[in-house]
Amino acid sequence: MKPAIEPAAQDEHRIDAFINALWLEEGLSQNTQSAYRSDLRQAAMDVQKLGVSLLDISPAHLPRLFAERITAGQSARSIARQRSALKRFFGWLQRQNLRTDNPTSTLAAPRLPRTLPHSLSETEVERLLAAPVITEPLGLRDRAMLELLYASGLRVSELIGLQFGQINLVQGVLRITGKGNKDRLVPVGDEAVDWLGRYLHTARPALLGRRESRSVFVTERGEGMTRQAFWYRIKLHALKAGLARLPSPHTLRHAFATHLLNHGADLRVLQMLLGHSDLSTTQIYTHVATTRLKALHAAHHPRG
């Protein structure tokens, strides 16, 4: 007779099966998979303290579970993500005929504060772009990456993951596979195309030497760039440029979106360029643009 599988091990097995199913169905990024797995494992450990497994949790357990997290000082955004992970997990259990109900269906979502993303002014972007020393291979690489990021609004993961099959310098477009494994074509201006071409012809061969790499952007070791390495380089150039706040790679994506709106871009077009599946995600940038317009009105209108 085989020994019974412990509830904790069963929960772990089901969590892994759920994450694999999500990856197959939706092509979730590695970061999203890791976040969901971490949230579900934490929930499994928490409900074990209540004497039940994750499979057998009831709606009555959930208020206590989330109350403890609020007491522990977790943010509303973090709790909302955990609620989403649980809701999708129990929905999957229903489809697998392992549960007949979804205990999270009556769980109220926490109210999230609407936070405006930090951006840079056009002058600040120009100072940041001019900061790398382009006579050096690393500086030329950084200039090409910054120019491309600002010209395209790519996510940092999309930028550092670029490979040659995704680039068409003649037409000035990138073929990007974003969240949910969805493809989009992103136009790139002449300025960014010029800097990318200069990097590919001189700096990249100098960094690689005799080594080979599929990645467009490489390090001195001939390896693909990481987001941590790129973040470090951006901070280095921001300090040199004398920026008051140190930007992250995502800050240039925000600047791309905000500056396009300020110059009259359509919100639907911006949604396509950013790769947002929902227009509501893009609409936050209208608040950024509106805030700037109000400031301009107050500064320059005689009755402002």
C-alpha atoms as a PDB file:
ATOM      1  CA  MET A   1       0.000   0.000   0.000  1.00  0.00           C
ATOM      2  CA  LYS A   2       1.415   3.359  -1.068  1.00  0.00           C
ATOM      3  CA  PRO A   3       1.786   5.991   1.650  1.00  0.00           C
ATOM      4  CA  ALA A   4      -0.677   8.897   1.439  1.00  0.00           C
ATOM      5  CA  ILE A   5       0.688  12.095  -0.084  1.00  0.00           C
ATOM      6  CA  GLU A   6       0.902  14.910   2.451  1.00  0.00           C
ATOM      7  CA  PRO A   7      -1.541  17.829   1.833  1.00  0.00           C
ATOM      8  CA  ALA A   8       1.409  20.240   1.553  1.00  0.00           C
ATOM      9  CA  ALA A   9       2.968  18.122  -1.198  1.00  0.00           C
ATOM     10  CA  GLN A  10      -0.399  17.908  -2.979  1.00  0.00           C
ATOM     11  CA  ASP A  11      -0.746  21.687  -2.871  1.00  0.00           C
ATOM     12  CA  GLU A  12       2.775  22.086  -4.295  1.00  0.00           C
ATOM     13  CA  HIS A  13       2.002  19.627  -7.089  1.00  0.00           C
ATOM     14  CA  ARG A  14      -1.232  21.426  -8.013  1.00  0.00           C
ATOM     15  CA  ILE A  15       0.454  24.851  -7.946  1.00  0.00           C
ATOM     16  CA  ASP A  16       3.135  23.624 -10.381  1.00  0.00           C
ATOM     17  CA  ALA A  17       0.473  22.087 -12.641  1.00  0.00           C
ATOM     18  CA  PHE A  18      -1.489  25.368 -12.609  1.00  0.00           C
ATOM     19  CA  ILE A  19       1.573  27.472 -13.494  1.00  0.00           C
ATOM     20  CA  ASN A  20       2.458  25.104 -16.345  1.00  0.00           C
ATOM     21  CA  ALA A  21      -1.120  25.304 -17.651  1.00  0.00           C
ATOM     22  CA  LEU A  22      -1.006  29.125 -17.580  1.00  0.00           C
ATOM     23  CA  TRP A  23       2.290  29.118 -19.468  1.00  0.00           C
ATOM     24  CA  LEU A  24       0.890  26.818 -22.151  1.00  0.00           C
ATOM     25  CA  GLU A  25      -2.381  28.750 -22.504  1.00  0.00           C
ATOM     26  CA  GLU A  26      -1.198  32.347 -22.179  1.00  0.00           C
ATOM     27  CA  GLY A  27       2.589  32.380 -22.475  1.00  0.00           C
ATOM     28  CA  LEU A  28       3.036  34.244 -19.187  1.00  0.00           C
ATOM     29  CA  SER A  29       6.439  35.809 -18.617  1.00  0.00           C
ATOM     30  CA  GLN A  30       8.921  34.188 -16.249  1.00  0.00           C
ATOM     31  CA  ASN A  31       8.471  37.064 -13.793  1.00  0.00           C
ATOM     32  CA  THR A  32       4.675  36.620 -13.680  1.00  0.00           C
ATOM     33  CA  GLN A  33       5.020  32.863 -13.258  1.00  0.00           C
ATOM     34  CA  SER A  34       7.432  33.366 -10.353  1.00  0.00           C
ATOM     35  CA  ALA A  35       5.117  35.913  -8.691  1.00  0.00           C
ATOM     36  CA  TYR A  36       2.079  33.621  -8.981  1.00  0.00           C
ATOM     37  CA  ARG A  37       4.020  30.611  -7.690  1.00  0.00           C
ATOM     38  CA  SER A  38       5.364  32.599  -4.723  1.00  0.00           C
ATOM     39  CA  ASP A  39       1.900  33.971  -3.837  1.00  0.00           C
ATOM     40  CA  LEU A  40       0.262  30.544  -4.002  1.00  0.00           C
ATOM     41  CA  ARG A  41       2.980  28.850  -1.979  1.00  0.00           C
ATOM     42  CA  GLN A  42       2.639  31.526   0.698  1.00  0.00           C
ATOM     43  CA  ALA A  43      -1.140  31.074   0.711  1.00  0.00           C
ATOM     44  CA  ALA A  44      -0.699  27.296   1.058  1.00  0.00           C
ATOM     45  CA  MET A  45       1.559  27.759   4.087  1.00  0.00           C
ATOM     46  CA  ASP A  46      -0.829  30.289   5.640  1.00  0.00           C
ATOM     47  CA  VAL A  47      -3.934  28.116   5.314  1.00  0.00           C
ATOM     48  CA  GLN A  48      -2.059  25.110   6.719  1.00  0.00           C
ATOM     49  CA  LYS A  49      -1.883  27.124   9.965  1.00  0.00           C
ATOM     50  CA  LEU A  50      -5.689  27.205   9.837  1.00  0.00           C
ATOM     51  CA  GLY A  51      -5.744  23.416   9.598  1.00  0.00           C
ATOM     52  CA  VAL A  52      -6.723  23.034   5.925  1.00  0.00           C
ATOM     53  CA  SER A  53      -5.000  22.520   2.597  1.00  0.00           C
ATOM     54  CA  LEU A  54      -5.188  25.038  -0.242  1.00  0.00           C
ATOM     55  CA  LEU A  55      -7.533  22.686  -2.124  1.00  0.00           C
ATOM     56  CA  ASP A  56     -10.030  22.602   0.748  1.00  0.00           C
ATOM     57  CA  ILE A  57     -10.062  26.282   1.661  1.00  0.00           C
ATOM     58  CA  SER A  58     -13.532  27.806   2.143  1.00  0.00           C
ATOM     59  CA  PRO A  59     -14.783  31.391   1.668  1.00  0.00           C
ATOM     60  CA  ALA A  60     -14.822  31.745   5.456  1.00  0.00           C
ATOM     61  CA  HIS A  61     -11.036  31.312   5.645  1.00  0.00           C
ATOM     62  CA  LEU A  62     -10.195  34.107   3.205  1.00  0.00           C
ATOM     63  CA  PRO A  63     -11.092  37.257   5.214  1.00  0.00           C
ATOM     64  CA  ARG A  64      -8.888  36.028   8.069  1.00  0.00           C
ATOM     65  CA  LEU A  65      -6.091  35.171   5.628  1.00  0.00           C
ATOM     66  CA  PHE A  66      -6.045  38.631   4.054  1.00  0.00           C
ATOM     67  CA  ALA A  67      -6.638  40.437   7.353  1.00  0.00           C
ATOM     68  CA  GLU A  68      -3.353  38.969   8.615  1.00  0.00           C
ATOM     69  CA  ARG A  69      -1.582  40.283   5.523  1.00  0.00           C
ATOM     70  CA  ILE A  70      -2.995  43.764   5.994  1.00  0.00           C
ATOM     71  CA  THR A  71      -1.918  43.663   9.648  1.00  0.00           C
ATOM     72  CA  ALA A  72       1.558  42.615   8.515  1.00  0.00           C
ATOM     73  CA  GLY A  73       1.746  45.822   6.483  1.00  0.00           C
ATOM     74  CA  GLN A  74       1.476  44.410   2.963  1.00  0.00           C
ATOM     75  CA  SER A  75       0.481  46.971   0.334  1.00  0.00           C
ATOM     76  CA  ALA A  76      -2.922  47.003  -1.366  1.00  0.00           C
ATOM     77  CA  ARG A  77      -1.216  46.311  -4.696  1.00  0.00           C
ATOM     78  CA  SER A  78       0.558  43.236  -3.303  1.00  0.00           C
ATOM     79  CA  ILE A  79      -2.673  41.914  -1.790  1.00  0.00           C
ATOM     80  CA  ALA A  80      -4.533  42.529  -5.059  1.00  0.00           C
ATOM     81  CA  ARG A  81      -1.941  40.460  -6.921  1.00  0.00           C
ATOM     82  CA  GLN A  82      -2.257  37.642  -4.373  1.00  0.00           C
ATOM     83  CA  ARG A  83      -6.051  37.729  -4.692  1.00  0.00           C
ATOM     84  CA  SER A  84      -5.739  37.520  -8.475  1.00  0.00           C
ATOM     85  CA  ALA A  85      -3.411  34.511  -8.204  1.00  0.00           C
ATOM     86  CA  LEU A  86      -5.832  32.697  -5.888  1.00  0.00           C
ATOM     87  CA  LYS A  87      -8.851  33.530  -8.049  1.00  0.00           C
ATOM     88  CA  ARG A  88      -7.200  32.143 -11.160  1.00  0.00           C
ATOM     89  CA  PHE A  89      -5.912  29.098  -9.297  1.00  0.00           C
ATOM     90  CA  PHE A  90      -9.371  28.142  -8.003  1.00  0.00           C
ATOM     91  CA  GLY A  91     -10.853  28.799 -11.430  1.00  0.00           C
ATOM     92  CA  TRP A  92      -8.366  26.293 -12.818  1.00  0.00           C
ATOM     93  CA  LEU A  93      -9.274  23.784 -10.082  1.00  0.00           C
ATOM     94  CA  GLN A  94     -12.914  24.117 -11.151  1.00  0.00           C
ATOM     95  CA  ARG A  95     -12.030  23.409 -14.777  1.00  0.00           C
ATOM     96  CA  GLN A  96     -10.083  20.346 -13.615  1.00  0.00           C
ATOM     97  CA  ASN A  97     -13.171  19.173 -11.666  1.00  0.00           C
ATOM     98  CA  LEU A  98     -11.213  19.332  -8.422  1.00  0.00           C
ATOM     99  CA  ARG A  99     -13.607  21.909  -6.936  1.00  0.00           C
ATOM    100  CA  THR A 100     -17.209  22.823  -7.616  1.00  0.00           C
ATOM    101  CA  ASP A 101     -16.862  26.465  -6.521  1.00  0.00           C
ATOM    102  CA  ASN A 102     -14.432  29.378  -6.452  1.00  0.00           C
ATOM    103  CA  PRO A 103     -14.118  30.588  -2.821  1.00  0.00           C
ATOM    104  CA  THR A 104     -12.646  33.934  -3.966  1.00  0.00           C
ATOM    105  CA  SER A 105     -15.751  34.914  -5.974  1.00  0.00           C
ATOM    106  CA  THR A 106     -17.210  36.953  -3.078  1.00  0.00           C
ATOM    107  CA  LEU A 107     -13.872  38.348  -1.892  1.00  0.00           C
ATOM    108  CA  ALA A 108     -13.800  42.124  -2.329  1.00  0.00           C
ATOM    109  CA  ALA A 109     -10.820  43.539  -4.200  1.00  0.00           C
ATOM    110  CA  PRO A 110      -8.699  46.079  -2.276  1.00  0.00           C
ATOM    111  CA  ARG A 111      -8.897  49.680  -3.489  1.00  0.00           C
ATOM    112  CA  LEU A 112      -5.682  50.537  -5.280  1.00  0.00           C
ATOM    113  CA  PRO A 113      -4.281  54.065  -5.195  1.00  0.00           C
ATOM    114  CA  ARG A 114      -3.891  55.509  -8.681  1.00  0.00           C
ATOM    115  CA  THR A 115      -0.200  56.282  -8.865  1.00  0.00           C
ATOM    116  CA  LEU A 116       1.251  58.317 -11.682  1.00  0.00           C
ATOM    117  CA  PRO A 117       4.480  56.933 -13.119  1.00  0.00           C
ATOM    118  CA  HIS A 118       7.596  59.026 -12.708  1.00  0.00           C
ATOM    119  CA  SER A 119       8.712  60.420 -16.043  1.00  0.00           C
ATOM    120  CA  LEU A 120      11.405  62.717 -17.401  1.00  0.00           C
ATOM    121  CA  SER A 121      11.043  66.017 -19.218  1.00  0.00           C
ATOM    122  CA  GLU A 122      12.222  66.206 -22.815  1.00  0.00           C
ATOM    123  CA  THR A 123      15.224  68.248 -21.692  1.00  0.00           C
ATOM    124  CA  GLU A 124      16.136  65.638 -19.071  1.00  0.00           C
ATOM    125  CA  VAL A 125      15.887  62.850 -21.654  1.00  0.00           C
ATOM    126  CA  GLU A 126      18.240  64.756 -23.974  1.00  0.00           C
ATOM    127  CA  ARG A 127      20.760  65.153 -21.140  1.00  0.00           C
ATOM    128  CA  LEU A 128      20.550  61.442 -20.310  1.00  0.00           C
ATOM    129  CA  LEU A 129      20.976  60.392 -23.935  1.00  0.00           C
ATOM    130  CA  ALA A 130      24.051  62.595 -24.296  1.00  0.00           C
ATOM    131  CA  ALA A 131      25.740  61.261 -21.140  1.00  0.00           C
ATOM    132  CA  PRO A 132      27.447  58.046 -22.437  1.00  0.00           C
ATOM    133  CA  VAL A 133      30.980  58.420 -23.817  1.00  0.00           C
ATOM    134  CA  ILE A 134      30.397  57.206 -27.374  1.00  0.00           C
ATOM    135  CA  THR A 135      34.110  56.864 -28.183  1.00  0.00           C
ATOM    136  CA  GLU A 136      34.126  53.774 -25.958  1.00  0.00           C
ATOM    137  CA  PRO A 137      32.358  50.494 -26.901  1.00  0.00           C
ATOM    138  CA  LEU A 138      30.352  50.388 -23.659  1.00  0.00           C
ATOM    139  CA  GLY A 139      29.317  54.015 -24.049  1.00  0.00           C
ATOM    140  CA  LEU A 140      28.222  53.513 -27.645  1.00  0.00           C
ATOM    141  CA  ARG A 141      26.246  50.423 -26.629  1.00  0.00           C
ATOM    142  CA  ASP A 142      24.550  52.354 -23.831  1.00  0.00           C
ATOM    143  CA  ARG A 143      23.720  55.250 -26.146  1.00  0.00           C
ATOM    144  CA  ALA A 144      22.154  52.847 -28.652  1.00  0.00           C
ATOM    145  CA  MET A 145      20.116  51.148 -25.913  1.00  0.00           C
ATOM    146  CA  LEU A 146      18.883  54.433 -24.443  1.00  0.00           C
ATOM    147  CA  GLU A 147      17.999  55.837 -27.861  1.00  0.00           C
ATOM    148  CA  LEU A 148      16.136  52.673 -28.793  1.00  0.00           C
ATOM    149  CA  LEU A 149      14.286  52.515 -25.480  1.00  0.00           C
ATOM    150  CA  TYR A 150      13.131  56.127 -25.739  1.00  0.00           C
ATOM    151  CA  ALA A 151      12.252  55.807 -29.434  1.00  0.00           C
ATOM    152  CA  SER A 152      10.191  52.628 -29.048  1.00  0.00           C
ATOM    153  CA  GLY A 153       8.793  52.487 -25.504  1.00  0.00           C
ATOM    154  CA  LEU A 154       9.893  48.868 -25.122  1.00  0.00           C
ATOM    155  CA  ARG A 155       9.768  47.104 -21.784  1.00  0.00           C
ATOM    156  CA  VAL A 156      13.286  46.559 -20.472  1.00  0.00           C
ATOM    157  CA  SER A 157      12.859  42.774 -20.801  1.00  0.00           C
ATOM    158  CA  GLU A 158      11.959  43.271 -24.469  1.00  0.00           C
ATOM    159  CA  LEU A 159      14.998  45.492 -25.038  1.00  0.00           C
ATOM    160  CA  ILE A 160      17.624  43.259 -23.447  1.00  0.00           C
ATOM    161  CA  GLY A 161      16.038  40.190 -25.061  1.00  0.00           C
ATOM    162  CA  LEU A 162      16.298  41.580 -28.612  1.00  0.00           C
ATOM    163  CA  GLN A 163      17.739  39.230 -31.234  1.00  0.00           C
ATOM    164  CA  PHE A 164      18.688  39.946 -34.826  1.00  0.00           C
ATOM    165  CA  GLY A 165      15.605  38.327 -36.346  1.00  0.00           C
ATOM    166  CA  GLN A 166      13.473  40.975 -34.645  1.00  0.00           C
ATOM    167  CA  ILE A 167      15.225  43.983 -36.188  1.00  0.00           C
ATOM    168  CA  ASN A 168      14.707  45.536 -39.622  1.00  0.00           C
ATOM    169  CA  LEU A 169      16.984  48.562 -39.879  1.00  0.00           C
ATOM    170  CA  VAL A 170      15.987  49.269 -43.493  1.00  0.00           C
ATOM    171  CA  GLN A 171      12.308  49.695 -42.648  1.00  0.00           C
ATOM    172  CA  GLY A 172      13.014  50.960 -39.137  1.00  0.00           C
ATOM    173  CA  VAL A 173      10.758  48.500 -37.280  1.00  0.00           C
ATOM    174  CA  LEU A 174      11.078  45.945 -34.492  1.00  0.00           C
ATOM    175  CA  ARG A 175       9.030  42.762 -34.184  1.00  0.00           C
ATOM    176  CA  ILE A 176       8.386  42.344 -30.474  1.00  0.00           C
ATOM    177  CA  THR A 177       6.843  39.408 -28.633  1.00  0.00           C
ATOM    178  CA  GLY A 178       5.426  40.910 -25.467  1.00  0.00           C
ATOM    179  CA  LYS A 179       3.254  39.826 -22.559  1.00  0.00           C
ATOM    180  CA  GLY A 180       0.857  36.998 -23.279  1.00  0.00           C
ATOM    181  CA  ASN A 181       3.122  35.907 -26.150  1.00  0.00           C
ATOM    182  CA  LYS A 182       1.537  38.588 -28.368  1.00  0.00           C
ATOM    183  CA  ASP A 183       3.481  39.996 -31.324  1.00  0.00           C
ATOM    184  CA  ARG A 184       3.505  43.651 -32.315  1.00  0.00           C
ATOM    185  CA  LEU A 185       5.440  45.778 -34.805  1.00  0.00           C
ATOM    186  CA  VAL A 186       7.083  48.836 -33.267  1.00  0.00           C
ATOM    187  CA  PRO A 187       8.381  51.660 -35.489  1.00  0.00           C
ATOM    188  CA  VAL A 188      11.743  53.209 -34.621  1.00  0.00           C
ATOM    189  CA  GLY A 189      12.848  56.678 -35.681  1.00  0.00           C
ATOM    190  CA  ASP A 190      15.863  57.477 -37.846  1.00  0.00           C
ATOM    191  CA  GLU A 191      17.912  58.723 -34.892  1.00  0.00           C
ATOM    192  CA  ALA A 192      17.616  55.453 -32.974  1.00  0.00           C
ATOM    193  CA  VAL A 193      18.209  53.413 -36.151  1.00  0.00           C
ATOM    194  CA  ASP A 194      21.411  55.382 -36.772  1.00  0.00           C
ATOM    195  CA  TRP A 195      22.752  54.778 -33.239  1.00  0.00           C
ATOM    196  CA  LEU A 196      21.802  51.097 -33.364  1.00  0.00           C
ATOM    197  CA  GLY A 197      23.612  50.718 -36.697  1.00  0.00           C
ATOM    198  CA  ARG A 198      26.740  52.392 -35.323  1.00  0.00           C
ATOM    199  CA  TYR A 199      26.730  50.088 -32.313  1.00  0.00           C
ATOM    200  CA  LEU A 200      26.273  46.952 -34.433  1.00  0.00           C
ATOM    201  CA  HIS A 201      29.109  47.859 -36.808  1.00  0.00           C
ATOM    202  CA  THR A 202      31.732  48.931 -34.275  1.00  0.00           C
ATOM    203  CA  ALA A 203      30.995  48.548 -30.546  1.00  0.00           C
ATOM    204  CA  ARG A 204      29.364  45.117 -30.610  1.00  0.00           C
ATOM    205  CA  PRO A 205      32.236  43.417 -32.507  1.00  0.00           C
ATOM    206  CA  ALA A 206      34.689  45.092 -30.111  1.00  0.00           C
ATOM    207  CA  LEU A 207      32.799  43.770 -27.057  1.00  0.00           C
ATOM    208  CA  LEU A 208      32.415  40.253 -28.467  1.00  0.00           C
ATOM    209  CA  GLY A 209      35.887  39.702 -29.889  1.00  0.00           C
ATOM    210  CA  ARG A 210      35.865  36.173 -31.249  1.00  0.00           C
ATOM    211  CA  ARG A 211      32.869  35.124 -29.215  1.00  0.00           C
ATOM    212  CA  GLU A 212      29.365  34.731 -30.580  1.00  0.00           C
ATOM    213  CA  SER A 213      25.988  35.693 -29.140  1.00  0.00           C
ATOM    214  CA  ARG A 214      22.389  35.710 -30.303  1.00  0.00           C
ATOM    215  CA  SER A 215      21.684  38.810 -28.219  1.00  0.00           C
ATOM    216  CA  VAL A 216      21.830  42.191 -29.909  1.00  0.00           C
ATOM    217  CA  PHE A 217      23.100  43.929 -26.772  1.00  0.00           C
ATOM    218  CA  VAL A 218      26.064  42.259 -25.078  1.00  0.00           C
ATOM    219  CA  THR A 219      28.403  42.833 -22.145  1.00  0.00           C
ATOM    220  CA  GLU A 220      32.191  42.927 -22.027  1.00  0.00           C
ATOM    221  CA  ARG A 221      32.078  39.193 -21.315  1.00  0.00           C
ATOM    222  CA  GLY A 222      30.200  38.556 -24.537  1.00  0.00           C
ATOM    223  CA  GLU A 223      26.992  37.670 -22.717  1.00  0.00           C
ATOM    224  CA  GLY A 224      23.529  39.118 -23.147  1.00  0.00           C
ATOM    225  CA  MET A 225      22.695  42.202 -21.078  1.00  0.00           C
ATOM    226  CA  THR A 226      20.706  41.730 -17.879  1.00  0.00           C
ATOM    227  CA  ARG A 227      18.142  44.176 -16.522  1.00  0.00           C
ATOM    228  CA  GLN A 228      20.288  44.671 -13.410  1.00  0.00           C
ATOM    229  CA  ALA A 229      23.339  45.593 -15.482  1.00  0.00           C
ATOM    230  CA  PHE A 230      21.325  47.990 -17.651  1.00  0.00           C
ATOM    231  CA  TRP A 231      19.738  49.614 -14.589  1.00  0.00           C
ATOM    232  CA  TYR A 232      23.204  50.186 -13.145  1.00  0.00           C
ATOM    233  CA  ARG A 233      24.400  51.799 -16.388  1.00  0.00           C
ATOM    234  CA  ILE A 234      21.359  54.086 -16.541  1.00  0.00           C
ATOM    235  CA  LYS A 235      21.974  55.295 -12.984  1.00  0.00           C
ATOM    236  CA  LEU A 236      25.604  55.919 -13.850  1.00  0.00           C
ATOM    237  CA  HIS A 237      24.654  58.098 -16.827  1.00  0.00           C
ATOM    238  CA  ALA A 238      21.867  59.836 -14.891  1.00  0.00           C
ATOM    239  CA  LEU A 239      24.351  60.906 -12.217  1.00  0.00           C
ATOM    240  CA  LYS A 240      26.670  62.226 -14.897  1.00  0.00           C
ATOM    241  CA  ALA A 241      23.759  64.104 -16.498  1.00  0.00           C
ATOM    242  CA  GLY A 242      22.908  65.676 -13.143  1.00  0.00           C
ATOM    243  CA  LEU A 243      19.314  64.434 -13.023  1.00  0.00           C
ATOM    244  CA  ALA A 244      17.528  65.178  -9.752  1.00  0.00           C
ATOM    245  CA  ARG A 245      15.893  61.730  -9.616  1.00  0.00           C
ATOM    246  CA  LEU A 246      17.632  58.574 -10.770  1.00  0.00           C
ATOM    247  CA  PRO A 247      15.540  56.934 -13.484  1.00  0.00           C
ATOM    248  CA  SER A 248      14.976  53.241 -14.053  1.00  0.00           C
ATOM    249  CA  PRO A 249      14.724  51.618 -17.495  1.00  0.00           C
ATOM    250  CA  HIS A 250      10.934  51.819 -17.107  1.00  0.00           C
ATOM    251  CA  THR A 251      11.168  55.595 -16.691  1.00  0.00           C
ATOM    252  CA  LEU A 252      12.141  55.972 -20.345  1.00  0.00           C
ATOM    253  CA  ARG A 253       9.101  53.912 -21.351  1.00  0.00           C
ATOM    254  CA  HIS A 254       6.967  56.358 -19.366  1.00  0.00           C
ATOM    255  CA  ALA A 255       8.756  59.290 -21.014  1.00  0.00           C
ATOM    256  CA  PHE A 256       8.124  57.782 -24.461  1.00  0.00           C
ATOM    257  CA  ALA A 257       4.387  57.506 -23.723  1.00  0.00           C
ATOM    258  CA  THR A 258       4.010  60.897 -22.055  1.00  0.00           C
ATOM    259  CA  HIS A 259       5.909  62.824 -24.717  1.00  0.00           C
ATOM    260  CA  LEU A 260       3.932  61.182 -27.522  1.00  0.00           C
ATOM    261  CA  LEU A 261       0.670  62.216 -25.848  1.00  0.00           C
ATOM    262  CA  ASN A 262       1.973  65.725 -25.245  1.00  0.00           C
ATOM    263  CA  HIS A 263       2.630  66.014 -28.983  1.00  0.00           C
ATOM    264  CA  GLY A 264      -0.841  64.829 -29.969  1.00  0.00           C
ATOM    265  CA  ALA A 265      -0.601  61.031 -30.279  1.00  0.00           C
ATOM    266  CA  ASP A 266      -3.844  59.047 -30.210  1.00  0.00           C
ATOM    267  CA  LEU A 267      -4.429  56.902 -27.112  1.00  0.00           C
ATOM    268  CA  ARG A 268      -5.300  53.812 -29.185  1.00  0.00           C
ATOM    269  CA  VAL A 269      -2.055  54.127 -31.152  1.00  0.00           C
ATOM    270  CA  LEU A 270      -0.129  54.458 -27.896  1.00  0.00           C
ATOM    271  CA  GLN A 271      -1.833  51.322 -26.597  1.00  0.00           C
ATOM    272  CA  MET A 272      -0.617  49.371 -29.642  1.00  0.00           C
ATOM    273  CA  LEU A 273       2.932  50.720 -29.386  1.00  0.00           C
ATOM    274  CA  LEU A 274       3.213  49.901 -25.676  1.00  0.00           C
ATOM    275  CA  GLY A 275       1.699  46.449 -26.123  1.00  0.00           C
ATOM    276  CA  HIS A 276      -1.079  46.978 -23.562  1.00  0.00           C
ATOM    277  CA  SER A 277      -3.895  44.432 -23.838  1.00  0.00           C
ATOM    278  CA  ASP A 278      -6.347  46.806 -22.121  1.00  0.00           C
ATOM    279  CA  LEU A 279      -6.839  50.493 -22.929  1.00  0.00           C
ATOM    280  CA  SER A 280      -7.391  51.243 -19.233  1.00  0.00           C
ATOM    281  CA  THR A 281      -3.700  50.481 -18.635  1.00  0.00           C
ATOM    282  CA  THR A 282      -2.738  53.101 -21.211  1.00  0.00           C
ATOM    283  CA  GLN A 283      -5.167  55.708 -19.873  1.00  0.00           C
ATOM    284  CA  ILE A 284      -2.976  56.449 -16.864  1.00  0.00           C
ATOM    285  CA  TYR A 285      -0.758  58.437 -19.224  1.00  0.00           C
ATOM    286  CA  THR A 286      -3.613  60.837 -19.953  1.00  0.00           C
ATOM    287  CA  HIS A 287      -3.398  61.818 -16.275  1.00  0.00           C
ATOM    288  CA  VAL A 288       0.318  62.494 -16.676  1.00  0.00           C
ATOM    289  CA  ALA A 289      -0.274  64.648 -19.747  1.00  0.00           C
ATOM    290  CA  THR A 290      -3.208  66.465 -18.104  1.00  0.00           C
ATOM    291  CA  THR A 291      -1.091  67.282 -15.045  1.00  0.00           C
ATOM    292  CA  ARG A 292       1.560  68.821 -17.286  1.00  0.00           C
ATOM    293  CA  LEU A 293      -1.022  70.841 -19.237  1.00  0.00           C
ATOM    294  CA  LYS A 294      -2.471  72.218 -15.998  1.00  0.00           C
ATOM    295  CA  ALA A 295       1.009  73.257 -14.858  1.00  0.00           C
ATOM    296  CA  LEU A 296       1.638  75.002 -18.192  1.00  0.00           C
ATOM    297  CA  HIS A 297      -1.733  76.749 -17.969  1.00  0.00           C
ATOM    298  CA  ALA A 298      -1.027  77.933 -14.430  1.00  0.00           C
ATOM    299  CA  ALA A 299       2.421  79.210 -15.410  1.00  0.00           C
ATOM    300  CA  HIS A 300       1.521  81.037 -18.639  1.00  0.00           C
ATOM    301  CA  HIS A 301      -2.158  81.997 -18.619  1.00  0.00           C
ATOM    302  CA  PRO A 302      -2.776  85.554 -17.331  1.00  0.00           C
ATOM    303  CA  ARG A 303      -5.529  84.228 -15.055  1.00  0.00           C
ATOM    304  CA  GLY A 304      -3.798  80.919 -14.299  1.00  0.00           C
END
